[in-house]
C-alpha atoms as a PDB file:
ATOM      1  CA  MET A   1      17.293 -26.043 -57.645  1.00  0.00           C
ATOM      2  CA  GLU A   2      16.171 -25.061 -54.138  1.00  0.00           C
ATOM      3  CA  VAL A   3      15.211 -21.433 -53.308  1.00  0.00           C
ATOM      4  CA  LEU A   4      15.261 -20.629 -49.568  1.00  0.00           C
ATOM      5  CA  THR A   5      14.200 -17.284 -48.074  1.00  0.00           C
ATOM      6  CA  ARG A   6      13.917 -15.340 -44.969  1.00  0.00           C
ATOM      7  CA  THR A   7      13.313 -11.704 -44.102  1.00  0.00           C
ATOM      8  CA  HIS A   8      15.079  -9.855 -41.381  1.00  0.00           C
ATOM      9  CA  ARG A   9      14.916  -6.084 -40.682  1.00  0.00           C
ATOM     10  CA  ASN A  10      13.289  -5.356 -43.963  1.00  0.00           C
ATOM     11  CA  VAL A  11      15.940  -7.263 -45.950  1.00  0.00           C
ATOM     12  CA  LEU A  12      14.928 -10.231 -48.049  1.00  0.00           C
ATOM     13  CA  TYR A  13      17.626 -13.021 -48.049  1.00  0.00           C
ATOM     14  CA  ILE A  14      17.429 -15.538 -50.811  1.00  0.00           C
ATOM     15  CA  SER A  15      19.645 -18.629 -50.919  1.00  0.00           C
ATOM     16  CA  LEU A  16      20.007 -20.437 -54.292  1.00  0.00           C
ATOM     17  CA  ASN A  17      21.001 -24.050 -53.848  1.00  0.00           C
ATOM     18  CA  GLY A  18      21.858 -26.236 -56.793  1.00  0.00           C
ATOM     19  CA  GLU A  19      22.300 -25.503 -60.501  1.00  0.00           C
ATOM     20  CA  LEU A  20      20.923 -22.487 -62.264  1.00  0.00           C
ATOM     21  CA  ASP A  21      20.908 -23.424 -65.893  1.00  0.00           C
ATOM     22  CA  GLU A  22      18.514 -24.082 -68.800  1.00  0.00           C
ATOM     23  CA  LYS A  23      16.813 -26.911 -66.916  1.00  0.00           C
ATOM     24  CA  THR A  24      16.073 -24.952 -63.807  1.00  0.00           C
ATOM     25  CA  ALA A  25      15.792 -21.473 -65.198  1.00  0.00           C
ATOM     26  CA  GLU A  26      12.053 -21.283 -65.596  1.00  0.00           C
ATOM     27  CA  TYR A  27      11.334 -22.699 -62.176  1.00  0.00           C
ATOM     28  CA  THR A  28      13.930 -20.340 -60.599  1.00  0.00           C
ATOM     29  CA  ARG A  29      12.635 -17.277 -62.419  1.00  0.00           C
ATOM     30  CA  LEU A  30       9.034 -17.954 -61.387  1.00  0.00           C
ATOM     31  CA  ALA A  31      10.053 -18.663 -57.743  1.00  0.00           C
ATOM     32  CA  LEU A  32      12.134 -15.495 -57.555  1.00  0.00           C
ATOM     33  CA  GLU A  33       9.411 -13.319 -59.055  1.00  0.00           C
ATOM     34  CA  GLN A  34       6.816 -14.609 -56.625  1.00  0.00           C
ATOM     35  CA  ILE A  35       9.144 -14.200 -53.631  1.00  0.00           C
ATOM     36  CA  MET A  36      10.474 -10.782 -54.592  1.00  0.00           C
ATOM     37  CA  PHE A  37       7.170  -9.169 -55.609  1.00  0.00           C
ATOM     38  CA  ASN A  38       5.375 -10.493 -52.456  1.00  0.00           C
ATOM     39  CA  ALA A  39       8.112  -9.447 -50.006  1.00  0.00           C
ATOM     40  CA  LYS A  40       7.922  -6.189 -48.108  1.00  0.00           C
ATOM     41  CA  ALA A  41      11.706  -5.552 -48.312  1.00  0.00           C
ATOM     42  CA  SER A  42      13.772  -2.518 -49.009  1.00  0.00           C
ATOM     43  CA  GLN A  43      16.705  -4.568 -50.340  1.00  0.00           C
ATOM     44  CA  ILE A  44      17.455  -8.144 -51.475  1.00  0.00           C
ATOM     45  CA  VAL A  45      20.538 -10.249 -50.770  1.00  0.00           C
ATOM     46  CA  ILE A  46      21.043 -13.334 -52.929  1.00  0.00           C
ATOM     47  CA  ASP A  47      23.361 -15.931 -51.306  1.00  0.00           C
ATOM     48  CA  LEU A  48      25.166 -18.026 -53.859  1.00  0.00           C
ATOM     49  CA  ALA A  49      27.240 -20.137 -51.479  1.00  0.00           C
ATOM     50  CA  ASN A  50      25.429 -23.324 -52.512  1.00  0.00           C
ATOM     51  CA  LEU A  51      25.048 -22.524 -56.186  1.00  0.00           C
ATOM     52  CA  SER A  52      27.137 -25.217 -57.764  1.00  0.00           C
ATOM     53  CA  PHE A  53      26.713 -24.157 -61.401  1.00  0.00           C
ATOM     54  CA  MET A  54      25.370 -21.269 -63.430  1.00  0.00           C
ATOM     55  CA  ASP A  55      25.324 -20.795 -67.180  1.00  0.00           C
ATOM     56  CA  SER A  56      24.209 -17.884 -69.436  1.00  0.00           C
ATOM     57  CA  THR A  57      20.545 -18.801 -68.900  1.00  0.00           C
ATOM     58  CA  GLY A  58      21.075 -18.337 -65.155  1.00  0.00           C
ATOM     59  CA  ILE A  59      22.701 -15.027 -65.680  1.00  0.00           C
ATOM     60  CA  GLY A  60      19.637 -13.964 -67.652  1.00  0.00           C
ATOM     61  CA  VAL A  61      17.422 -15.022 -64.785  1.00  0.00           C
ATOM     62  CA  LEU A  62      19.336 -12.880 -62.306  1.00  0.00           C
ATOM     63  CA  LEU A  63      19.514  -9.984 -64.731  1.00  0.00           C
ATOM     64  CA  GLY A  64      15.773 -10.010 -65.336  1.00  0.00           C
ATOM     65  CA  ARG A  65      15.003  -9.985 -61.595  1.00  0.00           C
ATOM     66  CA  TYR A  66      17.474  -7.182 -61.209  1.00  0.00           C
ATOM     67  CA  LYS A  67      15.753  -5.038 -63.778  1.00  0.00           C
ATOM     68  CA  LYS A  68      12.296  -5.589 -62.254  1.00  0.00           C
ATOM     69  CA  MET A  69      13.505  -4.730 -58.772  1.00  0.00           C
ATOM     70  CA  LYS A  70      15.361  -1.697 -60.022  1.00  0.00           C
ATOM     71  CA  ASP A  71      12.132  -0.374 -61.501  1.00  0.00           C
ATOM     72  CA  ARG A  72      10.666  -0.716 -57.977  1.00  0.00           C
ATOM     73  CA  GLY A  73      13.724   1.025 -56.346  1.00  0.00           C
ATOM     74  CA  ILE A  74      14.897  -2.167 -54.531  1.00  0.00           C
ATOM     75  CA  PRO A  75      18.617  -2.952 -54.856  1.00  0.00           C
ATOM     76  CA  ILE A  76      19.966  -6.526 -55.154  1.00  0.00           C
ATOM     77  CA  TYR A  77      23.207  -7.609 -53.566  1.00  0.00           C
ATOM     78  CA  ILE A  78      25.240 -10.848 -53.952  1.00  0.00           C
ATOM     79  CA  THR A  79      26.941 -12.614 -51.205  1.00  0.00           C
ATOM     80  CA  ASN A  80      28.993 -15.743 -50.750  1.00  0.00           C
ATOM     81  CA  PRO A  81      29.489 -16.537 -54.497  1.00  0.00           C
ATOM     82  CA  SER A  82      30.971 -19.899 -55.329  1.00  0.00           C
ATOM     83  CA  VAL A  83      34.320 -19.863 -57.196  1.00  0.00           C
ATOM     84  CA  GLN A  84      32.512 -20.389 -60.461  1.00  0.00           C
ATOM     85  CA  ALA A  85      29.849 -17.737 -59.737  1.00  0.00           C
ATOM     86  CA  GLU A  86      32.546 -15.272 -58.676  1.00  0.00           C
ATOM     87  CA  ARG A  87      34.304 -15.757 -61.980  1.00  0.00           C
ATOM     88  CA  ILE A  88      31.073 -15.181 -63.954  1.00  0.00           C
ATOM     89  CA  PHE A  89      30.107 -12.100 -61.982  1.00  0.00           C
ATOM     90  CA  GLN A  90      33.644 -10.563 -62.467  1.00  0.00           C
ATOM     91  CA  MET A  91      33.940 -11.456 -66.168  1.00  0.00           C
ATOM     92  CA  THR A  92      30.463 -10.077 -67.032  1.00  0.00           C
ATOM     93  CA  GLY A  93      30.568  -6.969 -64.867  1.00  0.00           C
ATOM     94  CA  LEU A  94      27.447  -7.991 -62.941  1.00  0.00           C
ATOM     95  CA  TYR A  95      28.913  -6.752 -59.707  1.00  0.00           C
ATOM     96  CA  LYS A  96      28.594  -3.190 -61.072  1.00  0.00           C
ATOM     97  CA  ILE A  97      24.791  -3.632 -60.864  1.00  0.00           C
ATOM     98  CA  MET A  98      24.476  -6.213 -58.164  1.00  0.00           C
ATOM     99  CA  PRO A  99      27.302  -5.444 -55.801  1.00  0.00           C
ATOM    100  CA  LYS A 100      28.995  -8.123 -53.699  1.00  0.00           C
ATOM    101  CA  ILE A 101      28.730  -7.857 -49.955  1.00  0.00           C
ATOM    102  CA  LYS A 102      30.221  -9.975 -47.209  1.00  0.00           C
ATOM    103  CA  GLY A 103      28.352 -12.321 -44.926  1.00  0.00           C
ATOM    104  CA  ALA A 104      24.541 -12.793 -44.949  1.00  0.00           C
ATOM    105  CA  ILE A 105      24.193 -16.591 -44.690  1.00  0.00           C
ATOM    106  CA  LEU A 106      20.610 -17.894 -44.575  1.00  0.00           C
END
C-alpha cells in the first residue's frame, strides 16, 4: 500500500495505491491518521483510482477515519473509485456518509 498526499486550497487529497486489506490495514490506518490529523484542511478527498483491492478490513479503516474527521467537522469525499471499490461503496451505503465526487486526481 502506498499513501500519497497533497494539499491544495485547504483541501487534503489522499491517493491510496495498492491493496487495502488485512495485511495493509494497520499501516494504512496509522498513515491516514497521521496525515489527516496533521493537515490543516477543511475537507478531505480520497482518490481510489489505484486501489486494486479492498476487503471488509479496508472498509473499517475508511469508516474509522470518517468518524474521527466527522468529530472534527471535516467531511471526507471519495473520487475515482475502481470498479471493485465502486461496488463495495454502493452495496454498503458508504456513499451516504462519504459522497462520491468527480475528478481530483493527485
